[in-house]
Amino acid sequence: MCRKLTRQQWYNQRITCIGHFYAEQGVRYTKPEIVQGLAPAMTIDDFMSVVPHWADNNKRAAFMELVKNWVGENPDFKAVSDRNKANRGNQGTHTAGSSSTDRYRERLVHIKMEQAAFF
């Protein structure tokens, strides 16, 4: 659980840094815009200009390593990231339990078409 939480914090910190950097430039990007990649790409220097308070003083090196992951300079991280992006696809996620309303409606349409064809 700690490992998952740490990854989520890194992910959120990236979004926060991008938002702060562009806010200093006078441009506002929302979290959904940043996640969708609508904000222009940032360099290591851009990220290092908005170092979060937790990375001040003795943790700047750790933040620099995190930034290298974000900009694609770490080949191992980039390989895993690219693989995971390909695996996610764009077809939505698997649901457990109840069907979504969209799937339920699709199923009803197919059932009605089959019944109409049968009679």
PDB file of N, CA and C in Angstrom:
ATOM      1  N   MET A   1       0.822  -1.184   0.000  1.00  0.00           N
ATOM      2  CA  MET A   1       0.000   0.000   0.000  1.00  0.00           C
ATOM      3  C   MET A   1       0.874   1.259   0.000  1.00  0.00           C
ATOM      4  N   CYS A   2       1.963   1.224   0.759  1.00  0.00           N
ATOM      5  CA  CYS A   2       2.866   2.383   0.807  1.00  0.00           C
ATOM      6  C   CYS A   2       3.474   2.648  -0.566  1.00  0.00           C
ATOM      7  N   ARG A   3       3.854   1.578  -1.270  1.00  0.00           N
ATOM      8  CA  ARG A   3       4.445   1.739  -2.597  1.00  0.00           C
ATOM      9  C   ARG A   3       3.439   2.390  -3.545  1.00  0.00           C
ATOM     10  N   LYS A   4       2.188   1.960  -3.495  1.00  0.00           N
ATOM     11  CA  LYS A   4       1.153   2.539  -4.349  1.00  0.00           C
ATOM     12  C   LYS A   4       0.915   4.001  -3.992  1.00  0.00           C
ATOM     13  N   LEU A   5       0.866   4.316  -2.701  1.00  0.00           N
ATOM     14  CA  LEU A   5       0.660   5.683  -2.253  1.00  0.00           C
ATOM     15  C   LEU A   5       1.813   6.577  -2.696  1.00  0.00           C
ATOM     16  N   THR A   6       3.033   6.060  -2.600  1.00  0.00           N
ATOM     17  CA  THR A   6       4.197   6.840  -3.009  1.00  0.00           C
ATOM     18  C   THR A   6       4.135   7.151  -4.502  1.00  0.00           C
ATOM     19  N   ARG A   7       3.773   6.183  -5.327  1.00  0.00           N
ATOM     20  CA  ARG A   7       3.645   6.423  -6.768  1.00  0.00           C
ATOM     21  C   ARG A   7       2.593   7.490  -7.046  1.00  0.00           C
ATOM     22  N   GLN A   8       1.481   7.433  -6.327  1.00  0.00           N
ATOM     23  CA  GLN A   8       0.419   8.406  -6.520  1.00  0.00           C
ATOM     24  C   GLN A   8       0.883   9.801  -6.110  1.00  0.00           C
ATOM     25  N   GLN A   9       1.660   9.889  -5.047  1.00  0.00           N
ATOM     26  CA  GLN A   9       2.184  11.187  -4.616  1.00  0.00           C
ATOM     27  C   GLN A   9       3.147  11.744  -5.660  1.00  0.00           C
ATOM     28  N   TRP A  10       3.983  10.887  -6.256  1.00  0.00           N
ATOM     29  CA  TRP A  10       4.893  11.351  -7.308  1.00  0.00           C
ATOM     30  C   TRP A  10       4.105  11.865  -8.496  1.00  0.00           C
ATOM     31  N   TYR A  11       3.056  11.120  -8.860  1.00  0.00           N
ATOM     32  CA  TYR A  11       2.211  11.503  -9.990  1.00  0.00           C
ATOM     33  C   TYR A  11       1.553  12.856  -9.717  1.00  0.00           C
ATOM     34  N   ASN A  12       0.996  13.014  -8.517  1.00  0.00           N
ATOM     35  CA  ASN A  12       0.351  14.279  -8.167  1.00  0.00           C
ATOM     36  C   ASN A  12       1.356  15.421  -8.101  1.00  0.00           C
ATOM     37  N   GLN A  13       2.574  15.150  -7.637  1.00  0.00           N
ATOM     38  CA  GLN A  13       3.591  16.205  -7.553  1.00  0.00           C
ATOM     39  C   GLN A  13       3.955  16.711  -8.938  1.00  0.00           C
ATOM     40  N   ARG A  14       4.011  15.833  -9.921  1.00  0.00           N
ATOM     41  CA  ARG A  14       4.289  16.240 -11.299  1.00  0.00           C
ATOM     42  C   ARG A  14       3.225  17.229 -11.779  1.00  0.00           C
ATOM     43  N   ILE A  15       1.971  16.888 -11.544  1.00  0.00           N
ATOM     44  CA  ILE A  15       0.871  17.753 -11.963  1.00  0.00           C
ATOM     45  C   ILE A  15       0.937  19.097 -11.249  1.00  0.00           C
ATOM     46  N   THR A  16       1.244  19.061  -9.950  1.00  0.00           N
ATOM     47  CA  THR A  16       1.354  20.290  -9.169  1.00  0.00           C
ATOM     48  C   THR A  16       2.480  21.173  -9.699  1.00  0.00           C
ATOM     49  N   CYS A  17       3.622  20.574  -9.992  1.00  0.00           N
ATOM     50  CA  CYS A  17       4.763  21.353 -10.508  1.00  0.00           C
ATOM     51  C   CYS A  17       4.425  21.995 -11.857  1.00  0.00           C
ATOM     52  N   ILE A  18       3.786  21.241 -12.730  1.00  0.00           N
ATOM     53  CA  ILE A  18       3.414  21.793 -14.035  1.00  0.00           C
ATOM     54  C   ILE A  18       2.439  22.951 -13.854  1.00  0.00           C
ATOM     55  N   GLY A  19       1.458  22.777 -12.989  1.00  0.00           N
ATOM     56  CA  GLY A  19       0.491  23.841 -12.732  1.00  0.00           C
ATOM     57  C   GLY A  19       1.152  25.092 -12.177  1.00  0.00           C
ATOM     58  N   HIS A  20       2.080  24.916 -11.227  1.00  0.00           N
ATOM     59  CA  HIS A  20       2.770  26.067 -10.635  1.00  0.00           C
ATOM     60  C   HIS A  20       3.664  26.770 -11.651  1.00  0.00           C
ATOM     61  N   PHE A  21       4.364  25.979 -12.452  1.00  0.00           N
ATOM     62  CA  PHE A  21       5.266  26.583 -13.435  1.00  0.00           C
ATOM     63  C   PHE A  21       4.495  27.474 -14.403  1.00  0.00           C
ATOM     64  N   TYR A  22       3.414  26.961 -14.958  1.00  0.00           N
ATOM     65  CA  TYR A  22       2.657  27.754 -15.932  1.00  0.00           C
ATOM     66  C   TYR A  22       1.870  28.880 -15.268  1.00  0.00           C
ATOM     67  N   ALA A  23       1.501  28.721 -13.989  1.00  0.00           N
ATOM     68  CA  ALA A  23       0.848  29.820 -13.268  1.00  0.00           C
ATOM     69  C   ALA A  23       1.817  30.996 -13.125  1.00  0.00           C
ATOM     70  N   GLU A  24       3.100  30.694 -12.888  1.00  0.00           N
ATOM     71  CA  GLU A  24       4.105  31.759 -12.820  1.00  0.00           C
ATOM     72  C   GLU A  24       4.279  32.453 -14.171  1.00  0.00           C
ATOM     73  N   GLN A  25       3.973  31.744 -15.250  1.00  0.00           N
ATOM     74  CA  GLN A  25       4.058  32.321 -16.595  1.00  0.00           C
ATOM     75  C   GLN A  25       2.789  33.084 -16.963  1.00  0.00           C
ATOM     76  N   GLY A  26       1.775  33.004 -16.103  1.00  0.00           N
ATOM     77  CA  GLY A  26       0.521  33.695 -16.363  1.00  0.00           C
ATOM     78  C   GLY A  26      -0.505  32.869 -17.118  1.00  0.00           C
ATOM     79  N   VAL A  27      -0.270  31.556 -17.221  1.00  0.00           N
ATOM     80  CA  VAL A  27      -1.189  30.661 -17.930  1.00  0.00           C
ATOM     81  C   VAL A  27      -1.711  29.640 -16.927  1.00  0.00           C
ATOM     82  N   ARG A  28      -2.992  29.356 -16.992  1.00  0.00           N
ATOM     83  CA  ARG A  28      -3.573  28.380 -16.056  1.00  0.00           C
ATOM     84  C   ARG A  28      -3.968  27.111 -16.803  1.00  0.00           C
ATOM     85  N   TYR A  29      -3.485  25.978 -16.289  1.00  0.00           N
ATOM     86  CA  TYR A  29      -3.887  24.667 -16.791  1.00  0.00           C
ATOM     87  C   TYR A  29      -4.531  23.908 -15.643  1.00  0.00           C
ATOM     88  N   THR A  30      -5.655  23.284 -15.904  1.00  0.00           N
ATOM     89  CA  THR A  30      -6.319  22.481 -14.883  1.00  0.00           C
ATOM     90  C   THR A  30      -5.700  21.087 -14.861  1.00  0.00           C
ATOM     91  N   LYS A  31      -5.996  20.332 -13.813  1.00  0.00           N
ATOM     92  CA  LYS A  31      -5.461  18.976 -13.705  1.00  0.00           C
ATOM     93  C   LYS A  31      -5.871  18.114 -14.891  1.00  0.00           C
ATOM     94  N   PRO A  32      -7.152  18.121 -15.317  1.00  0.00           N
ATOM     95  CA  PRO A  32      -7.506  17.303 -16.486  1.00  0.00           C
ATOM     96  C   PRO A  32      -6.740  17.708 -17.746  1.00  0.00           C
ATOM     97  N   GLU A  33      -6.480  18.981 -17.926  1.00  0.00           N
ATOM     98  CA  GLU A  33      -5.720  19.430 -19.103  1.00  0.00           C
ATOM     99  C   GLU A  33      -4.285  18.926 -19.041  1.00  0.00           C
ATOM    100  N   ILE A  34      -3.695  18.960 -17.839  1.00  0.00           N
ATOM    101  CA  ILE A  34      -2.318  18.488 -17.683  1.00  0.00           C
ATOM    102  C   ILE A  34      -2.252  16.983 -17.916  1.00  0.00           C
ATOM    103  N   VAL A  35      -3.203  16.248 -17.357  1.00  0.00           N
ATOM    104  CA  VAL A  35      -3.223  14.788 -17.499  1.00  0.00           C
ATOM    105  C   VAL A  35      -3.387  14.394 -18.964  1.00  0.00           C
ATOM    106  N   GLN A  36      -4.208  15.136 -19.718  1.00  0.00           N
ATOM    107  CA  GLN A  36      -4.436  14.833 -21.133  1.00  0.00           C
ATOM    108  C   GLN A  36      -3.274  15.265 -22.013  1.00  0.00           C
ATOM    109  N   GLY A  37      -2.283  15.949 -21.436  1.00  0.00           N
ATOM    110  CA  GLY A  37      -1.120  16.365 -22.210  1.00  0.00           C
ATOM    111  C   GLY A  37      -1.327  17.657 -22.969  1.00  0.00           C
ATOM    112  N   LEU A  38      -2.273  18.480 -22.552  1.00  0.00           N
ATOM    113  CA  LEU A  38      -2.541  19.733 -23.251  1.00  0.00           C
ATOM    114  C   LEU A  38      -1.556  20.834 -22.849  1.00  0.00           C
ATOM    115  N   ALA A  39      -0.900  20.681 -21.708  1.00  0.00           N
ATOM    116  CA  ALA A  39       0.130  21.642 -21.300  1.00  0.00           C
ATOM    117  C   ALA A  39       1.412  21.327 -22.061  1.00  0.00           C
ATOM    118  N   PRO A  40       2.147  22.351 -22.508  1.00  0.00           N
ATOM    119  CA  PRO A  40       3.403  22.088 -23.218  1.00  0.00           C
ATOM    120  C   PRO A  40       4.388  21.310 -22.346  1.00  0.00           C
ATOM    121  N   ALA A  41       5.230  20.517 -22.988  1.00  0.00           N
ATOM    122  CA  ALA A  41       6.214  19.709 -22.270  1.00  0.00           C
ATOM    123  C   ALA A  41       7.199  20.612 -21.529  1.00  0.00           C
ATOM    124  N   MET A  42       7.659  20.125 -20.393  1.00  0.00           N
ATOM    125  CA  MET A  42       8.606  20.879 -19.583  1.00  0.00           C
ATOM    126  C   MET A  42       9.960  20.194 -19.588  1.00  0.00           C
ATOM    127  N   THR A  43      11.012  20.987 -19.416  1.00  0.00           N
ATOM    128  CA  THR A  43      12.374  20.475 -19.342  1.00  0.00           C
ATOM    129  C   THR A  43      12.762  20.292 -17.879  1.00  0.00           C
ATOM    130  N   ILE A  44      13.925  19.708 -17.658  1.00  0.00           N
ATOM    131  CA  ILE A  44      14.428  19.544 -16.295  1.00  0.00           C
ATOM    132  C   ILE A  44      14.580  20.905 -15.634  1.00  0.00           C
ATOM    133  N   ASP A  45      15.111  21.883 -16.352  1.00  0.00           N
ATOM    134  CA  ASP A  45      15.287  23.227 -15.787  1.00  0.00           C
ATOM    135  C   ASP A  45      13.949  23.849 -15.404  1.00  0.00           C
ATOM    136  N   ASP A  46      12.918  23.612 -16.210  1.00  0.00           N
ATOM    137  CA  ASP A  46      11.589  24.127 -15.882  1.00  0.00           C
ATOM    138  C   ASP A  46      11.099  23.532 -14.565  1.00  0.00           C
ATOM    139  N   PHE A  47      11.236  22.207 -14.424  1.00  0.00           N
ATOM    140  CA  PHE A  47      10.796  21.554 -13.195  1.00  0.00           C
ATOM    141  C   PHE A  47      11.619  22.032 -11.993  1.00  0.00           C
ATOM    142  N   MET A  48      12.919  22.215 -12.191  1.00  0.00           N
ATOM    143  CA  MET A  48      13.777  22.620 -11.081  1.00  0.00           C
ATOM    144  C   MET A  48      13.530  24.067 -10.663  1.00  0.00           C
ATOM    145  N   SER A  49      12.827  24.824 -11.489  1.00  0.00           N
ATOM    146  CA  SER A  49      12.496  26.203 -11.105  1.00  0.00           C
ATOM    147  C   SER A  49      11.296  26.254 -10.163  1.00  0.00           C
ATOM    148  N   VAL A  50      10.581  25.157 -10.034  1.00  0.00           N
ATOM    149  CA  VAL A  50       9.421  25.094  -9.128  1.00  0.00           C
ATOM    150  C   VAL A  50       9.564  23.917  -8.163  1.00  0.00           C
ATOM    151  N   VAL A  51      10.716  23.823  -7.523  1.00  0.00           N
ATOM    152  CA  VAL A  51      10.976  22.735  -6.579  1.00  0.00           C
ATOM    153  C   VAL A  51      10.004  22.859  -5.405  1.00  0.00           C
ATOM    154  N   PRO A  52       9.307  21.771  -5.053  1.00  0.00           N
ATOM    155  CA  PRO A  52       8.369  21.833  -3.922  1.00  0.00           C
ATOM    156  C   PRO A  52       9.106  21.998  -2.596  1.00  0.00           C
ATOM    157  N   HIS A  53       8.401  22.461  -1.589  1.00  0.00           N
ATOM    158  CA  HIS A  53       9.026  22.737  -0.295  1.00  0.00           C
ATOM    159  C   HIS A  53       9.640  21.501   0.350  1.00  0.00           C
ATOM    160  N   TRP A  54       9.082  20.320   0.105  1.00  0.00           N
ATOM    161  CA  TRP A  54       9.634  19.115   0.716  1.00  0.00           C
ATOM    162  C   TRP A  54      10.989  18.738   0.134  1.00  0.00           C
ATOM    163  N   ALA A  55      11.319  19.271  -1.030  1.00  0.00           N
ATOM    164  CA  ALA A  55      12.589  18.930  -1.677  1.00  0.00           C
ATOM    165  C   ALA A  55      13.659  19.998  -1.476  1.00  0.00           C
ATOM    166  N   ASP A  56      13.384  20.995  -0.650  1.00  0.00           N
ATOM    167  CA  ASP A  56      14.397  22.010  -0.364  1.00  0.00           C
ATOM    168  C   ASP A  56      15.582  21.382   0.356  1.00  0.00           C
ATOM    169  N   ASN A  57      16.700  22.034   0.246  1.00  0.00           N
ATOM    170  CA  ASN A  57      17.948  21.658   0.933  1.00  0.00           C
ATOM    171  C   ASN A  57      18.454  20.276   0.546  1.00  0.00           C
ATOM    172  N   ASN A  58      18.329  19.291   1.442  1.00  0.00           N
ATOM    173  CA  ASN A  58      19.002  18.004   1.238  1.00  0.00           C
ATOM    174  C   ASN A  58      18.237  17.019   0.366  1.00  0.00           C
ATOM    175  N   LYS A  59      17.082  17.364  -0.173  1.00  0.00           N
ATOM    176  CA  LYS A  59      16.323  16.411  -0.982  1.00  0.00           C
ATOM    177  C   LYS A  59      16.248  16.817  -2.452  1.00  0.00           C
ATOM    178  N   ARG A  60      17.022  17.797  -2.860  1.00  0.00           N
ATOM    179  CA  ARG A  60      16.992  18.248  -4.248  1.00  0.00           C
ATOM    180  C   ARG A  60      17.471  17.153  -5.206  1.00  0.00           C
ATOM    181  N   ALA A  61      18.445  16.359  -4.778  1.00  0.00           N
ATOM    182  CA  ALA A  61      18.945  15.275  -5.629  1.00  0.00           C
ATOM    183  C   ALA A  61      17.844  14.234  -5.877  1.00  0.00           C
ATOM    184  N   ALA A  62      17.084  13.937  -4.835  1.00  0.00           N
ATOM    185  CA  ALA A  62      15.981  12.980  -4.990  1.00  0.00           C
ATOM    186  C   ALA A  62      14.926  13.550  -5.937  1.00  0.00           C
ATOM    187  N   PHE A  63      14.626  14.838  -5.808  1.00  0.00           N
ATOM    188  CA  PHE A  63      13.653  15.462  -6.695  1.00  0.00           C
ATOM    189  C   PHE A  63      14.174  15.463  -8.132  1.00  0.00           C
ATOM    190  N   MET A  64      15.480  15.678  -8.306  1.00  0.00           N
ATOM    191  CA  MET A  64      16.081  15.666  -9.647  1.00  0.00           C
ATOM    192  C   MET A  64      15.905  14.295 -10.297  1.00  0.00           C
ATOM    193  N   GLU A  65      16.071  13.215  -9.538  1.00  0.00           N
ATOM    194  CA  GLU A  65      15.877  11.870 -10.080  1.00  0.00           C
ATOM    195  C   GLU A  65      14.424  11.652 -10.483  1.00  0.00           C
ATOM    196  N   LEU A  66      13.519  12.167  -9.693  1.00  0.00           N
ATOM    197  CA  LEU A  66      12.101  12.072 -10.014  1.00  0.00           C
ATOM    198  C   LEU A  66      11.793  12.823 -11.306  1.00  0.00           C
ATOM    199  N   VAL A  67      12.366  13.996 -11.448  1.00  0.00           N
ATOM    200  CA  VAL A  67      12.166  14.804 -12.660  1.00  0.00           C
ATOM    201  C   VAL A  67      12.721  14.085 -13.883  1.00  0.00           C
ATOM    202  N   LYS A  68      13.854  13.423 -13.733  1.00  0.00           N
ATOM    203  CA  LYS A  68      14.425  12.672 -14.859  1.00  0.00           C
ATOM    204  C   LYS A  68      13.457  11.592 -15.334  1.00  0.00           C
ATOM    205  N   ASN A  69      12.729  10.978 -14.410  1.00  0.00           N
ATOM    206  CA  ASN A  69      11.700  10.009 -14.798  1.00  0.00           C
ATOM    207  C   ASN A  69      10.609  10.695 -15.604  1.00  0.00           C
ATOM    208  N   TRP A  70      10.173  11.860 -15.144  1.00  0.00           N
ATOM    209  CA  TRP A  70       9.075  12.568 -15.792  1.00  0.00           C
ATOM    210  C   TRP A  70       9.410  13.023 -17.194  1.00  0.00           C
ATOM    211  N   VAL A  71      10.659  13.451 -17.429  1.00  0.00           N
ATOM    212  CA  VAL A  71      11.016  13.966 -18.756  1.00  0.00           C
ATOM    213  C   VAL A  71      11.547  12.881 -19.684  1.00  0.00           C
ATOM    214  N   GLY A  72      11.664  11.647 -19.181  1.00  0.00           N
ATOM    215  CA  GLY A  72      12.045  10.528 -20.041  1.00  0.00           C
ATOM    216  C   GLY A  72      13.529  10.257 -20.141  1.00  0.00           C
ATOM    217  N   GLU A  73      14.329  10.772 -19.212  1.00  0.00           N
ATOM    218  CA  GLU A  73      15.773  10.524 -19.264  1.00  0.00           C
ATOM    219  C   GLU A  73      16.185   9.210 -18.615  1.00  0.00           C
ATOM    220  N   ASN A  74      15.303   8.584 -17.867  1.00  0.00           N
ATOM    221  CA  ASN A  74      15.594   7.302 -17.247  1.00  0.00           C
ATOM    222  C   ASN A  74      15.047   6.213 -18.168  1.00  0.00           C
ATOM    223  N   PRO A  75      15.917   5.478 -18.885  1.00  0.00           N
ATOM    224  CA  PRO A  75      15.430   4.502 -19.880  1.00  0.00           C
ATOM    225  C   PRO A  75      14.608   3.364 -19.272  1.00  0.00           C
ATOM    226  N   ASP A  76      14.951   2.929 -18.063  1.00  0.00           N
ATOM    227  CA  ASP A  76      14.182   1.849 -17.426  1.00  0.00           C
ATOM    228  C   ASP A  76      12.763   2.315 -17.108  1.00  0.00           C
ATOM    229  N   PHE A  77      12.647   3.498 -16.537  1.00  0.00           N
ATOM    230  CA  PHE A  77      11.330   4.043 -16.202  1.00  0.00           C
ATOM    231  C   PHE A  77      10.526   4.291 -17.468  1.00  0.00           C
ATOM    232  N   LYS A  78      11.185   4.806 -18.509  1.00  0.00           N
ATOM    233  CA  LYS A  78      10.502   5.104 -19.767  1.00  0.00           C
ATOM    234  C   LYS A  78       9.964   3.821 -20.407  1.00  0.00           C
ATOM    235  N   ALA A  79      10.745   2.747 -20.362  1.00  0.00           N
ATOM    236  CA  ALA A  79      10.304   1.475 -20.940  1.00  0.00           C
ATOM    237  C   ALA A  79       9.050   0.958 -20.225  1.00  0.00           C
ATOM    238  N   VAL A  80       9.059   1.009 -18.905  1.00  0.00           N
ATOM    239  CA  VAL A  80       7.891   0.562 -18.138  1.00  0.00           C
ATOM    240  C   VAL A  80       6.701   1.470 -18.413  1.00  0.00           C
ATOM    241  N   SER A  81       6.951   2.770 -18.474  1.00  0.00           N
ATOM    242  CA  SER A  81       5.880   3.734 -18.731  1.00  0.00           C
ATOM    243  C   SER A  81       5.245   3.505 -20.099  1.00  0.00           C
ATOM    244  N   ASP A  82       6.072   3.309 -21.124  1.00  0.00           N
ATOM    245  CA  ASP A  82       5.554   3.070 -22.473  1.00  0.00           C
ATOM    246  C   ASP A  82       4.754   1.771 -22.535  1.00  0.00           C
ATOM    247  N   ARG A  83       5.259   0.731 -21.876  1.00  0.00           N
ATOM    248  CA  ARG A  83       4.540  -0.544 -21.848  1.00  0.00           C
ATOM    249  C   ARG A  83       3.180  -0.385 -21.179  1.00  0.00           C
ATOM    250  N   ASN A  84       3.157   0.319 -20.054  1.00  0.00           N
ATOM    251  CA  ASN A  84       1.899   0.506 -19.332  1.00  0.00           C
ATOM    252  C   ASN A  84       0.906   1.358 -20.124  1.00  0.00           C
ATOM    253  N   LYS A  85       1.397   2.358 -20.841  1.00  0.00           N
ATOM    254  CA  LYS A  85       0.514   3.171 -21.684  1.00  0.00           C
ATOM    255  C   LYS A  85      -0.138   2.310 -22.759  1.00  0.00           C
ATOM    256  N   ALA A  86       0.654   1.434 -23.374  1.00  0.00           N
ATOM    257  CA  ALA A  86       0.121   0.559 -24.418  1.00  0.00           C
ATOM    258  C   ALA A  86      -0.903  -0.420 -23.835  1.00  0.00           C
ATOM    259  N   ASN A  87      -0.645  -0.908 -22.635  1.00  0.00           N
ATOM    260  CA  ASN A  87      -1.560  -1.858 -22.001  1.00  0.00           C
ATOM    261  C   ASN A  87      -2.882  -1.213 -21.606  1.00  0.00           C
ATOM    262  N   ARG A  88      -2.842   0.067 -21.237  1.00  0.00           N
ATOM    263  CA  ARG A  88      -4.082   0.737 -20.832  1.00  0.00           C
ATOM    264  C   ARG A  88      -5.036   0.888 -21.994  1.00  0.00           C
ATOM    265  N   GLY A  89      -4.526   1.191 -23.158  1.00  0.00           N
ATOM    266  CA  GLY A  89      -5.382   1.349 -24.327  1.00  0.00           C
ATOM    267  C   GLY A  89      -6.347   2.505 -24.147  1.00  0.00           C
ATOM    268  N   ASN A  90      -7.421   2.494 -24.917  1.00  0.00           N
ATOM    269  CA  ASN A  90      -8.407   3.567 -24.811  1.00  0.00           C
ATOM    270  C   ASN A  90      -9.827   3.015 -24.817  1.00  0.00           C
ATOM    271  N   GLN A  91      -9.984   1.762 -24.466  1.00  0.00           N
ATOM    272  CA  GLN A  91     -11.297   1.128 -24.489  1.00  0.00           C
ATOM    273  C   GLN A  91     -12.001   1.170 -23.142  1.00  0.00           C
ATOM    274  N   GLY A  92     -11.482   1.913 -22.181  1.00  0.00           N
ATOM    275  CA  GLY A  92     -12.090   1.939 -20.857  1.00  0.00           C
ATOM    276  C   GLY A  92     -11.504   0.852 -19.987  1.00  0.00           C
ATOM    277  N   THR A  93     -11.976   0.775 -18.797  1.00  0.00           N
ATOM    278  CA  THR A  93     -11.435  -0.194 -17.858  1.00  0.00           C
ATOM    279  C   THR A  93     -12.415  -1.333 -17.645  1.00  0.00           C
ATOM    280  N   HIS A  94     -11.893  -2.432 -17.137  1.00  0.00           N
ATOM    281  CA  HIS A  94     -12.730  -3.577 -16.812  1.00  0.00           C
ATOM    282  C   HIS A  94     -13.550  -3.231 -15.572  1.00  0.00           C
ATOM    283  N   THR A  95     -14.799  -3.583 -15.587  1.00  0.00           N
ATOM    284  CA  THR A  95     -15.639  -3.308 -14.420  1.00  0.00           C
ATOM    285  C   THR A  95     -15.971  -4.604 -13.716  1.00  0.00           C
ATOM    286  N   ALA A  96     -16.056  -4.517 -12.434  1.00  0.00           N
ATOM    287  CA  ALA A  96     -16.499  -5.649 -11.636  1.00  0.00           C
ATOM    288  C   ALA A  96     -17.854  -5.282 -11.052  1.00  0.00           C
ATOM    289  N   GLY A  97     -18.678  -6.245 -10.855  1.00  0.00           N
ATOM    290  CA  GLY A  97     -19.986  -5.949 -10.289  1.00  0.00           C
ATOM    291  C   GLY A  97     -20.955  -5.521 -11.362  1.00  0.00           C
ATOM    292  N   SER A  98     -21.729  -4.519 -11.068  1.00  0.00           N
ATOM    293  CA  SER A  98     -22.785  -4.057 -11.968  1.00  0.00           C
ATOM    294  C   SER A  98     -22.210  -3.491 -13.261  1.00  0.00           C
ATOM    295  N   SER A  99     -22.969  -3.655 -14.323  1.00  0.00           N
ATOM    296  CA  SER A  99     -22.577  -3.062 -15.599  1.00  0.00           C
ATOM    297  C   SER A  99     -22.833  -1.563 -15.565  1.00  0.00           C
ATOM    298  N   SER A 100     -22.055  -0.814 -16.345  1.00  0.00           N
ATOM    299  CA  SER A 100     -22.312   0.614 -16.439  1.00  0.00           C
ATOM    300  C   SER A 100     -23.613   0.828 -17.209  1.00  0.00           C
ATOM    301  N   THR A 101     -24.179   2.009 -17.099  1.00  0.00           N
ATOM    302  CA  THR A 101     -25.441   2.283 -17.794  1.00  0.00           C
ATOM    303  C   THR A 101     -25.265   2.192 -19.307  1.00  0.00           C
ATOM    304  N   ASP A 102     -24.101   2.592 -19.805  1.00  0.00           N
ATOM    305  CA  ASP A 102     -23.863   2.499 -21.252  1.00  0.00           C
ATOM    306  C   ASP A 102     -23.877   1.044 -21.719  1.00  0.00           C
ATOM    307  N   ARG A 103     -23.188   0.171 -20.993  1.00  0.00           N
ATOM    308  CA  ARG A 103     -23.172  -1.248 -21.372  1.00  0.00           C
ATOM    309  C   ARG A 103     -24.566  -1.853 -21.252  1.00  0.00           C
ATOM    310  N   TYR A 104     -25.291  -1.450 -20.223  1.00  0.00           N
ATOM    311  CA  TYR A 104     -26.643  -1.958 -20.034  1.00  0.00           C
ATOM    312  C   TYR A 104     -27.528  -1.554 -21.210  1.00  0.00           C
ATOM    313  N   ARG A 105     -27.452  -0.302 -21.641  1.00  0.00           N
ATOM    314  CA  ARG A 105     -28.250   0.166 -22.786  1.00  0.00           C
ATOM    315  C   ARG A 105     -27.876  -0.574 -24.063  1.00  0.00           C
ATOM    316  N   GLU A 106     -26.551  -0.777 -24.279  1.00  0.00           N
ATOM    317  CA  GLU A 106     -26.104  -1.524 -25.463  1.00  0.00           C
ATOM    318  C   GLU A 106     -26.700  -2.927 -25.465  1.00  0.00           C
ATOM    319  N   ARG A 107     -26.657  -3.570 -24.319  1.00  0.00           N
ATOM    320  CA  ARG A 107     -27.180  -4.926 -24.222  1.00  0.00           C
ATOM    321  C   ARG A 107     -28.683  -4.947 -24.505  1.00  0.00           C
ATOM    322  N   LEU A 108     -29.419  -3.971 -23.996  1.00  0.00           N
ATOM    323  CA  LEU A 108     -30.856  -3.903 -24.259  1.00  0.00           C
ATOM    324  C   LEU A 108     -31.147  -3.735 -25.750  1.00  0.00           C
ATOM    325  N   VAL A 109     -30.360  -2.899 -26.426  1.00  0.00           N
ATOM    326  CA  VAL A 109     -30.555  -2.693 -27.868  1.00  0.00           C
ATOM    327  C   VAL A 109     -30.336  -4.000 -28.610  1.00  0.00           C
ATOM    328  N   HIS A 110     -29.277  -4.745 -28.270  1.00  0.00           N
ATOM    329  CA  HIS A 110     -28.997  -6.016 -28.938  1.00  0.00           C
ATOM    330  C   HIS A 110     -30.098  -7.044 -28.666  1.00  0.00           C
ATOM    331  N   ILE A 111     -30.589  -7.070 -27.441  1.00  0.00           N
ATOM    332  CA  ILE A 111     -31.660  -8.017 -27.102  1.00  0.00           C
ATOM    333  C   ILE A 111     -32.919  -7.697 -27.897  1.00  0.00           C
ATOM    334  N   LYS A 112     -33.269  -6.414 -27.978  1.00  0.00           N
ATOM    335  CA  LYS A 112     -34.462  -6.009 -28.722  1.00  0.00           C
ATOM    336  C   LYS A 112     -34.316  -6.318 -30.212  1.00  0.00           C
ATOM    337  N   MET A 113     -33.115  -6.131 -30.767  1.00  0.00           N
ATOM    338  CA  MET A 113     -32.892  -6.442 -32.177  1.00  0.00           C
ATOM    339  C   MET A 113     -33.027  -7.945 -32.435  1.00  0.00           C
ATOM    340  N   GLU A 114     -32.505  -8.763 -31.519  1.00  0.00           N
ATOM    341  CA  GLU A 114     -32.616 -10.206 -31.649  1.00  0.00           C
ATOM    342  C   GLU A 114     -34.064 -10.667 -31.553  1.00  0.00           C
ATOM    343  N   GLN A 115     -34.802 -10.048 -30.637  1.00  0.00           N
ATOM    344  CA  GLN A 115     -36.223 -10.411 -30.497  1.00  0.00           C
ATOM    345  C   GLN A 115     -37.016 -10.020 -31.750  1.00  0.00           C
ATOM    346  N   ALA A 116     -36.707  -8.852 -32.312  1.00  0.00           N
ATOM    347  CA  ALA A 116     -37.403  -8.403 -33.515  1.00  0.00           C
ATOM    348  C   ALA A 116     -37.104  -9.330 -34.683  1.00  0.00           C
ATOM    349  N   ALA A 117     -35.874  -9.798 -34.779  1.00  0.00           N
ATOM    350  CA  ALA A 117     -35.494 -10.700 -35.850  1.00  0.00           C
ATOM    351  C   ALA A 117     -36.130 -12.071 -35.668  1.00  0.00           C
ATOM    352  N   PHE A 118     -36.350 -12.494 -34.437  1.00  0.00           N
ATOM    353  CA  PHE A 118     -36.918 -13.802 -34.150  1.00  0.00           C
ATOM    354  C   PHE A 118     -38.398 -13.861 -34.492  1.00  0.00           C
ATOM    355  N   PHE A 119     -39.117 -12.781 -34.218  1.00  0.00           N
ATOM    356  CA  PHE A 119     -40.558 -12.777 -34.454  1.00  0.00           C
ATOM    357  C   PHE A 119     -40.818 -12.254 -35.798  1.00  0.00           C
TER     358      PHE A 119
END
